Protein backbone atom coordinates (compact mmCIF):
# COMPACT_ATOMS: atom_id res chain seq x y z
CA MET A 1 -79.91 -39.54 70.51
CA ASP A 2 -80.68 -36.02 71.65
CA SER A 3 -80.07 -33.09 69.30
CA PHE A 4 -80.16 -29.31 69.05
CA GLU A 5 -83.56 -27.67 68.90
CA LEU A 6 -82.93 -25.05 66.23
CA SER A 7 -84.92 -23.28 63.56
CA TRP A 8 -83.99 -23.72 59.90
CA GLU A 9 -82.10 -20.43 59.95
CA GLY A 10 -80.28 -21.39 63.12
CA LEU A 11 -79.54 -24.84 61.73
CA TYR A 12 -78.06 -23.36 58.55
CA ILE A 13 -75.87 -20.92 60.50
CA THR A 14 -74.73 -23.64 62.91
CA LEU A 15 -73.83 -26.07 60.15
CA THR A 16 -71.95 -23.40 58.21
CA PHE A 17 -70.03 -22.25 61.25
CA SER A 18 -69.28 -25.84 62.34
CA SER A 19 -68.02 -26.76 58.86
CA LEU A 20 -65.77 -23.71 58.80
CA ILE A 21 -64.35 -24.38 62.27
CA TYR A 22 -63.73 -28.05 61.51
CA SER A 23 -62.08 -27.29 58.16
CA VAL A 24 -59.78 -24.66 59.68
CA THR A 25 -58.85 -26.92 62.59
CA LEU A 26 -58.22 -29.89 60.32
CA GLY A 27 -56.12 -27.80 57.92
CA CYS A 28 -54.04 -26.08 60.61
CA ASN A 29 -53.25 -29.31 62.45
CA LEU A 30 -52.39 -31.19 59.26
CA ILE A 31 -50.10 -28.37 58.11
CA LEU A 32 -48.41 -28.36 61.51
CA LEU A 33 -47.95 -32.14 61.38
CA LEU A 34 -46.56 -31.95 57.84
CA ILE A 35 -44.07 -29.21 58.70
CA ILE A 36 -42.76 -31.05 61.75
CA ALA A 37 -42.60 -34.42 59.97
CA THR A 38 -40.82 -33.16 56.83
CA ASN A 39 -38.21 -30.89 58.47
CA SER A 40 -35.41 -32.77 60.18
CA ASN A 41 -34.31 -29.70 62.17
CA LEU A 42 -37.73 -29.78 63.88
CA HIS A 43 -37.24 -33.35 65.09
CA GLN A 44 -36.52 -32.06 68.57
CA PRO A 45 -38.32 -33.00 71.81
CA MET A 46 -40.54 -29.92 72.00
CA TYR A 47 -41.77 -30.26 68.40
CA LEU A 48 -42.22 -34.03 68.66
CA PHE A 49 -44.42 -33.56 71.72
CA LEU A 50 -46.29 -30.89 69.80
CA LEU A 51 -46.82 -33.43 67.02
CA ASN A 52 -48.46 -35.77 69.56
CA LEU A 53 -50.66 -32.91 70.75
CA SER A 54 -51.83 -32.19 67.20
CA VAL A 55 -52.67 -35.85 66.60
CA ASN A 56 -54.69 -35.86 69.81
CA ASP A 57 -56.50 -32.66 68.81
CA LEU A 58 -57.48 -34.24 65.50
CA ILE A 59 -58.87 -37.25 67.37
CA GLY A 60 -60.97 -35.07 69.67
CA ILE A 61 -62.53 -32.72 67.16
CA SER A 62 -63.03 -35.44 64.50
CA ALA A 63 -64.89 -37.58 67.01
CA MET A 64 -67.22 -34.73 67.91
CA VAL A 65 -68.00 -32.27 65.10
CA PRO A 66 -68.77 -34.55 62.09
CA ARG A 67 -71.05 -36.75 64.18
CA VAL A 68 -72.95 -33.76 65.61
CA MET A 69 -73.35 -32.23 62.14
CA LEU A 70 -74.68 -35.54 60.80
CA ASN A 71 -77.07 -35.73 63.72
CA MET A 72 -78.42 -32.27 62.89
CA LEU A 73 -79.08 -33.27 59.28
CA SER A 74 -80.62 -36.68 59.93
CA GLN A 75 -84.27 -37.26 60.72
CA ASP A 76 -84.11 -40.22 63.08
CA LYS A 77 -81.08 -38.97 65.09
CA ALA A 78 -79.83 -42.55 65.36
CA ILE A 79 -76.33 -43.92 65.89
CA THR A 80 -75.16 -47.53 65.94
CA PHE A 81 -73.91 -49.02 69.17
CA LEU A 82 -70.39 -49.55 67.82
CA ALA A 83 -70.18 -45.98 66.51
CA CYS A 84 -71.38 -44.69 69.87
CA VAL A 85 -68.73 -46.64 71.80
CA ILE A 86 -65.97 -45.53 69.40
CA GLN A 87 -67.01 -41.88 69.72
CA ALA A 88 -67.07 -42.10 73.51
CA LEU A 89 -63.66 -43.80 73.60
CA CYS A 90 -62.10 -41.16 71.34
CA LEU A 91 -63.54 -38.27 73.35
CA HIS A 92 -62.33 -39.68 76.66
CA ILE A 93 -58.91 -40.52 75.22
CA TYR A 94 -58.65 -36.98 73.88
CA GLY A 95 -59.39 -35.46 77.28
CA GLY A 96 -56.87 -37.58 79.17
CA ALA A 97 -54.11 -37.48 76.54
CA THR A 98 -54.20 -33.69 76.39
CA LEU A 99 -53.37 -33.42 80.09
CA LEU A 100 -50.64 -36.07 79.94
CA ILE A 101 -48.98 -34.64 76.81
CA LEU A 102 -49.03 -31.13 78.27
CA SER A 103 -47.48 -32.55 81.45
CA VAL A 104 -44.67 -34.14 79.45
CA MET A 105 -44.14 -30.87 77.58
CA ALA A 106 -43.89 -29.05 80.91
CA PHE A 107 -41.19 -31.52 82.01
CA ASP A 108 -39.33 -30.91 78.76
CA ARG A 109 -39.36 -27.14 79.33
CA TYR A 110 -38.19 -27.65 82.91
CA ILE A 111 -35.15 -29.65 81.80
CA ALA A 112 -34.35 -27.22 78.97
CA ILE A 113 -34.40 -24.12 81.19
CA CYS A 114 -33.33 -25.38 84.61
CA HIS A 115 -30.75 -27.94 83.43
CA PRO A 116 -29.61 -26.75 79.98
CA LEU A 117 -26.23 -28.49 80.10
CA ARG A 118 -27.84 -31.86 80.73
CA TYR A 119 -30.77 -31.36 78.36
CA HIS A 120 -29.42 -33.31 75.39
CA SER A 121 -28.22 -36.16 77.59
CA ILE A 122 -31.62 -36.46 79.29
CA MET A 123 -34.03 -35.69 76.44
CA THR A 124 -32.62 -38.12 73.91
CA LYS A 125 -34.66 -39.56 71.05
CA GLY A 126 -35.19 -42.69 73.13
CA SER A 127 -36.42 -40.66 76.10
CA VAL A 128 -38.81 -38.68 73.92
CA MET A 129 -40.21 -41.89 72.44
CA LYS A 130 -40.65 -43.48 75.86
CA LEU A 131 -42.39 -40.42 77.32
CA SER A 132 -44.74 -40.17 74.33
CA VAL A 133 -45.63 -43.86 74.39
CA LEU A 134 -46.06 -43.76 78.18
CA ALA A 135 -48.50 -40.85 77.97
CA TRP A 136 -50.66 -42.64 75.39
CA LEU A 137 -50.52 -46.03 77.15
CA VAL A 138 -51.47 -44.63 80.57
CA ASP A 139 -54.37 -42.71 79.03
CA ILE A 140 -55.66 -45.66 76.99
CA LEU A 141 -55.33 -48.00 79.98
CA LEU A 142 -57.26 -45.71 82.33
CA VAL A 143 -60.01 -45.05 79.79
CA GLY A 144 -60.13 -48.71 78.77
CA VAL A 145 -60.81 -49.85 82.34
CA LEU A 146 -63.58 -47.24 82.61
CA PHE A 147 -65.37 -48.64 79.57
CA VAL A 148 -64.84 -52.26 80.61
CA LEU A 149 -66.68 -51.44 83.84
CA THR A 150 -69.52 -49.89 81.83
CA LEU A 151 -69.85 -52.47 79.06
CA GLN A 152 -70.08 -55.39 81.50
CA TYR A 153 -73.74 -54.57 82.13
CA PRO A 154 -76.61 -55.64 79.84
CA PHE A 155 -78.43 -52.87 77.98
CA CYS A 156 -82.12 -52.16 78.48
CA ARG A 157 -82.60 -48.78 76.78
CA THR A 158 -81.75 -47.25 73.39
CA ALA A 159 -82.49 -43.53 73.78
CA LEU A 160 -79.41 -41.45 74.60
CA SER A 161 -79.95 -38.47 76.88
CA ASN A 162 -77.09 -36.52 75.29
CA TYR A 163 -76.30 -35.29 71.78
CA TYR A 164 -72.99 -37.16 71.78
CA CYS A 165 -71.82 -40.44 73.30
CA ASP A 166 -69.74 -40.56 76.46
CA ASN A 167 -69.32 -42.98 79.32
CA VAL A 168 -72.11 -41.50 81.43
CA SER A 169 -74.60 -41.57 78.55
CA ILE A 170 -73.77 -45.19 77.74
CA LEU A 171 -74.00 -46.16 81.41
CA LYS A 172 -77.54 -44.76 81.56
CA LEU A 173 -78.55 -47.20 78.80
CA THR A 174 -77.60 -50.24 80.85
CA CYS A 175 -79.78 -52.24 83.22
CA ALA A 176 -77.39 -51.58 86.11
CA LYS A 177 -79.02 -50.47 89.34
CA GLU A 178 -75.80 -50.10 91.32
CA THR A 179 -73.08 -48.04 89.60
CA THR A 180 -71.10 -46.90 92.63
CA VAL A 181 -67.88 -48.53 91.41
CA ASN A 182 -68.24 -46.86 88.00
CA ASN A 183 -68.87 -43.46 89.56
CA ILE A 184 -65.95 -43.74 91.98
CA TYR A 185 -63.55 -44.91 89.27
CA GLY A 186 -64.74 -42.14 86.91
CA LEU A 187 -64.09 -39.52 89.57
CA PHE A 188 -60.76 -41.17 90.37
CA ILE A 189 -59.31 -41.00 86.86
CA THR A 190 -60.68 -37.48 86.37
CA GLY A 191 -59.01 -36.31 89.57
CA LEU A 192 -55.83 -38.24 88.80
CA LEU A 193 -55.38 -36.80 85.31
CA HIS A 194 -56.11 -33.25 86.37
CA SER A 195 -53.84 -33.63 89.39
CA ILE A 196 -51.00 -34.79 87.14
CA GLY A 197 -51.56 -31.87 84.78
CA LEU A 198 -51.87 -29.18 87.45
CA SER A 199 -49.06 -30.47 89.67
CA SER A 200 -46.62 -30.85 86.77
CA VAL A 201 -47.32 -27.34 85.50
CA PHE A 202 -47.15 -25.85 89.01
CA PHE A 203 -43.91 -27.68 89.89
CA THR A 204 -42.10 -26.95 86.63
CA TYR A 205 -43.10 -23.30 86.41
CA ILE A 206 -42.12 -22.56 89.99
CA HIS A 207 -38.64 -23.92 89.29
CA ILE A 208 -38.49 -22.11 85.94
CA LEU A 209 -39.36 -18.80 87.61
CA ILE A 210 -36.70 -19.37 90.29
CA THR A 211 -34.12 -20.13 87.60
CA CYS A 212 -35.07 -17.02 85.63
CA PHE A 213 -34.75 -14.81 88.72
CA ARG A 214 -31.30 -16.22 89.41
CA ASN A 215 -30.20 -15.79 85.81
CA ARG A 216 -29.17 -12.21 85.05
CA SER A 217 -29.32 -12.64 81.28
CA VAL A 218 -32.32 -10.65 80.08
CA GLU A 219 -32.24 -12.26 76.63
CA SER A 220 -32.19 -15.82 78.00
CA ASN A 221 -35.00 -15.07 80.42
CA GLY A 222 -37.05 -13.54 77.63
CA LYS A 223 -36.67 -16.64 75.44
CA ALA A 224 -37.51 -18.93 78.35
CA MET A 225 -40.66 -17.01 79.29
CA HIS A 226 -41.74 -16.80 75.64
CA THR A 227 -41.53 -20.59 75.28
CA CYS A 228 -43.29 -21.22 78.58
CA ALA A 229 -46.02 -18.68 77.87
CA THR A 230 -47.09 -20.63 74.77
CA HIS A 231 -47.37 -23.89 76.70
CA LEU A 232 -49.10 -22.26 79.66
CA LEU A 233 -51.63 -20.55 77.38
CA VAL A 234 -52.58 -23.87 75.76
CA PHE A 235 -52.95 -25.51 79.18
CA LEU A 236 -55.13 -22.70 80.53
CA ILE A 237 -57.39 -22.79 77.47
CA TYR A 238 -57.93 -26.52 77.98
CA GLU A 239 -58.67 -26.14 81.69
CA PHE A 240 -60.98 -23.18 81.07
CA SER A 241 -62.93 -25.15 78.45
CA GLY A 242 -63.38 -27.99 80.94
CA PHE A 243 -64.47 -25.55 83.63
CA VAL A 244 -67.11 -24.13 81.27
CA ILE A 245 -68.73 -27.57 80.94
CA VAL A 246 -69.00 -27.99 84.70
CA LEU A 247 -70.34 -24.45 85.09
CA CYS A 248 -72.98 -24.86 82.38
CA TYR A 249 -74.57 -27.91 83.96
CA ARG A 250 -74.61 -26.17 87.35
CA ILE A 251 -76.83 -23.33 86.04
CA PRO A 252 -80.39 -24.68 85.64
CA SER A 253 -81.70 -21.47 84.07
CA MET A 254 -79.33 -21.70 81.11
CA PRO A 255 -81.10 -22.67 77.83
CA PRO A 256 -80.47 -26.32 76.85
CA SER A 257 -79.14 -25.40 73.39
CA LEU A 258 -76.62 -23.00 74.94
CA GLN A 259 -75.57 -25.69 77.40
CA LYS A 260 -74.92 -28.07 74.53
CA PHE A 261 -72.92 -25.51 72.56
CA MET A 262 -70.80 -24.62 75.58
CA ALA A 263 -70.19 -28.28 76.36
CA MET A 264 -69.09 -28.91 72.78
CA SER A 265 -66.58 -26.06 73.06
CA PHE A 266 -64.36 -28.33 75.18
CA PHE A 267 -63.76 -30.52 72.12
CA VAL A 268 -63.61 -27.67 69.59
CA ILE A 269 -61.83 -24.63 71.03
CA PRO A 270 -58.51 -26.21 72.17
CA PRO A 271 -57.93 -28.21 68.94
CA CYS A 272 -58.73 -25.10 66.88
CA ILE A 273 -56.57 -22.66 68.84
CA ASN A 274 -53.56 -24.86 69.68
CA PRO A 275 -51.97 -25.03 66.19
CA ILE A 276 -52.58 -21.30 65.70
CA ILE A 277 -50.89 -20.45 69.00
CA TYR A 278 -47.87 -22.65 68.31
CA GLY A 279 -47.70 -21.48 64.70
CA VAL A 280 -47.65 -17.82 65.72
CA LYS A 281 -45.59 -18.05 68.90
CA THR A 282 -42.93 -20.55 67.82
CA LYS A 283 -40.34 -18.80 65.64
CA GLU A 284 -39.04 -21.93 63.93
CA ILE A 285 -42.50 -23.13 62.91
CA LYS A 286 -43.47 -19.63 61.80
CA ARG A 287 -40.34 -19.43 59.65
CA LYS A 288 -41.09 -22.80 58.03
CA LEU A 289 -44.67 -21.72 57.36
CA LYS A 290 -43.44 -18.60 55.58
CA LEU A 291 -41.07 -20.68 53.46
CA VAL A 292 -43.86 -23.08 52.49
CA PHE A 293 -46.19 -20.26 51.45
CA ALA A 294 -43.42 -18.39 49.63
CA ASN A 295 -42.18 -21.40 47.65
CA LYS A 296 -45.41 -23.31 47.03
CA ILE A 297 -48.23 -20.80 46.95
CA PHE A 298 -46.32 -17.76 45.63
CA PRO A 299 -43.47 -19.25 43.56
CA ASN A 300 -42.65 -15.94 41.86
CA LYS A 301 -42.00 -14.23 45.16
CA GLN A 302 -38.88 -16.10 46.15
CA ARG A 303 -36.51 -15.04 48.85
CA PRO A 304 -33.24 -13.47 47.67
CA THR A 305 -30.50 -16.02 47.24
CA ASN A 306 -26.86 -15.64 48.22
CA SER A 307 -26.07 -14.98 44.57
CA ASP A 308 -28.56 -12.12 44.50
CA LYS A 309 -27.02 -10.64 47.63
CA LEU A 310 -23.51 -10.97 46.14
CA GLN A 311 -24.64 -9.32 42.94
CA ALA A 312 -26.13 -6.37 44.83
CA LEU A 313 -22.90 -5.96 46.80
CA ILE A 314 -20.78 -5.98 43.64
CA MET A 315 -23.05 -3.45 41.94
CA GLN A 316 -22.57 -1.12 44.88
CA GLU A 317 -18.80 -1.44 44.65
CA TRP A 318 -18.80 -0.76 40.92
CA ALA A 319 -21.14 2.20 41.07
CA ALA A 320 -18.18 4.61 41.21
CA ILE A 321 -16.40 3.12 38.14
CA ASN A 322 -16.50 5.14 34.96
CA GLN A 323 -19.13 3.50 32.80
CA ASP A 324 -17.49 4.67 29.56
CA SER A 325 -14.31 2.76 30.37
CA ALA A 326 -16.30 -0.31 31.22
CA GLN A 327 -18.21 0.00 27.94
CA LYS A 328 -14.97 0.07 25.93
CA LEU A 329 -13.74 -3.02 27.76
CA ILE A 330 -16.92 -4.88 26.97
CA ASP A 331 -16.91 -3.76 23.33
CA SER A 332 -13.38 -5.06 22.85
CA MET A 333 -14.38 -8.47 24.17
CA GLY A 334 -17.91 -8.59 22.77
CA THR A 335 -16.97 -11.08 20.08
CA ILE A 336 -15.85 -13.71 22.54
CA CYS A 337 -18.41 -13.23 25.29
CA SER A 338 -21.97 -14.43 25.37
CA SER A 339 -24.81 -13.15 27.46
CA THR A 340 -26.19 -15.62 29.96
CA ALA A 341 -28.56 -15.73 32.90
CA SER A 342 -27.05 -18.70 34.66
CA PHE A 343 -26.25 -16.64 37.73
CA SER A 344 -28.87 -13.91 37.45
CA ASP A 345 -30.86 -12.00 34.87
CA ILE A 346 -28.27 -9.21 34.81
CA GLY A 347 -24.72 -9.49 33.59
CA ILE A 348 -22.53 -11.39 31.17
CA VAL A 349 -20.33 -14.40 31.66
CA CYS A 350 -17.56 -15.12 29.22
CA SER A 351 -18.01 -18.53 27.68
CA LEU A 352 -14.98 -20.65 28.52
CA GLU A 353 -15.69 -22.84 25.56
CA MET A 354 -15.48 -19.90 23.10
CA LEU A 355 -12.29 -18.74 24.79
CA GLY A 356 -10.76 -22.18 24.40
CA LEU A 357 -10.66 -22.67 28.15
CA LYS A 358 -13.30 -25.38 28.44
CA ASP A 359 -10.86 -27.92 29.83
CA HIS A 360 -9.06 -25.46 32.07
CA ALA A 361 -9.94 -23.90 35.38
CA PRO A 362 -11.01 -20.24 35.06
CA GLY A 363 -8.21 -17.84 35.77
CA PRO A 364 -8.27 -14.46 37.48
CA MET A 365 -9.17 -12.74 34.21
CA ASP A 366 -12.22 -14.96 33.74
CA ILE A 367 -13.41 -14.36 37.27
CA TRP A 368 -12.82 -10.63 36.88
CA LEU A 369 -14.86 -10.55 33.67
CA PHE A 370 -17.61 -12.46 35.44
CA PHE A 371 -17.83 -9.80 38.16
CA VAL A 372 -17.70 -6.99 35.58
CA GLY A 373 -20.71 -8.52 33.88
CA GLN A 374 -22.53 -8.74 37.20
CA ALA A 375 -21.73 -5.15 38.11
CA LEU A 376 -22.77 -3.36 34.92
CA PRO A 377 -26.25 -1.91 34.58
CA GLY A 378 -28.70 -3.47 32.16
CA ASP A 379 -28.28 -0.77 29.49
CA LEU A 380 -24.57 -1.59 29.13
CA LEU A 381 -25.04 -5.31 28.47
CA VAL A 382 -23.49 -6.78 25.34
CA THR A 383 -25.30 -9.55 23.57
CA GLY A 384 -22.88 -11.95 21.97
CA PRO A 385 -23.53 -14.32 19.09
CA GLU A 386 -26.23 -16.86 19.69
CA ALA A 387 -25.08 -20.44 20.14
């Protein structure tokens, strides 16, 4: 297997950078998957398709980066035949599934914006499941036929001409002298998948733009374009990464190591950027991320509860009350009231048990005393007898 020709310093920098990129990509995609899977209000078509996209991104980058890093560290640069076929399958499945999933997501945005009244009747849970399964099955079927055509030949060579395994590299190891069928079918599925992706995006966005021009609601148009911009940005990044590969191999003067790095970007850049784009651009996911970090990572910095907001409102209303009168009221009832922090850290709540009202519903006086305790400043609190 071919590898990168790097100095020790370059090898160290490359491995460090690759480890960082892979760790960030793995973490971002897993967090995105966890948020979507554990929040029932995110079980909507757009987020479920995004879940499929994250799974596919994990397949692509996990098939590429760890193997390349291991190849850099090893001396013999060897890979088993089974591992080579699995890597090639995963990389080809990643490339095709990305286009098909993005096409399905474009269809979802088209229905949501152009036919909003029919959206929930069309994009049901069953429809979402069928579209997701169809995208994966079509991709696996097309790629599977490609590899069946390649693996039917006997193998005569063992030295790979590339630093990762793909269909072309494996085909060069066979004893086949006539590979016209393989080449035609490879070009066919490449053209088919890209045609599906480009045509679906072009069709849906033309209709979305027409609908937005007809709709006079500035707010609705803004939301629609915001949602579509995220999807379109992800699609363009994928297509640009694929274009870079073609461009690199068409420039003979480009250094081989740079060609390899640019070719690897197709399997690294989209999976790394996609979860960041959707995490930043999608309000619901961004809100869930903030909640996760606030509650799990910074537990002391909790968001204000409804009780806290009610307390603040009451304190504002009671700011004009004479504090001396309130102090006398509290002093007269200090023997039967106990300080508590069941509602907040400020205020007193009269104990119903000490008042003999344990088995009775609290009356207006009890409720009034409760609010008095919430409204008074901390220096006016009365500490009752300890239980």
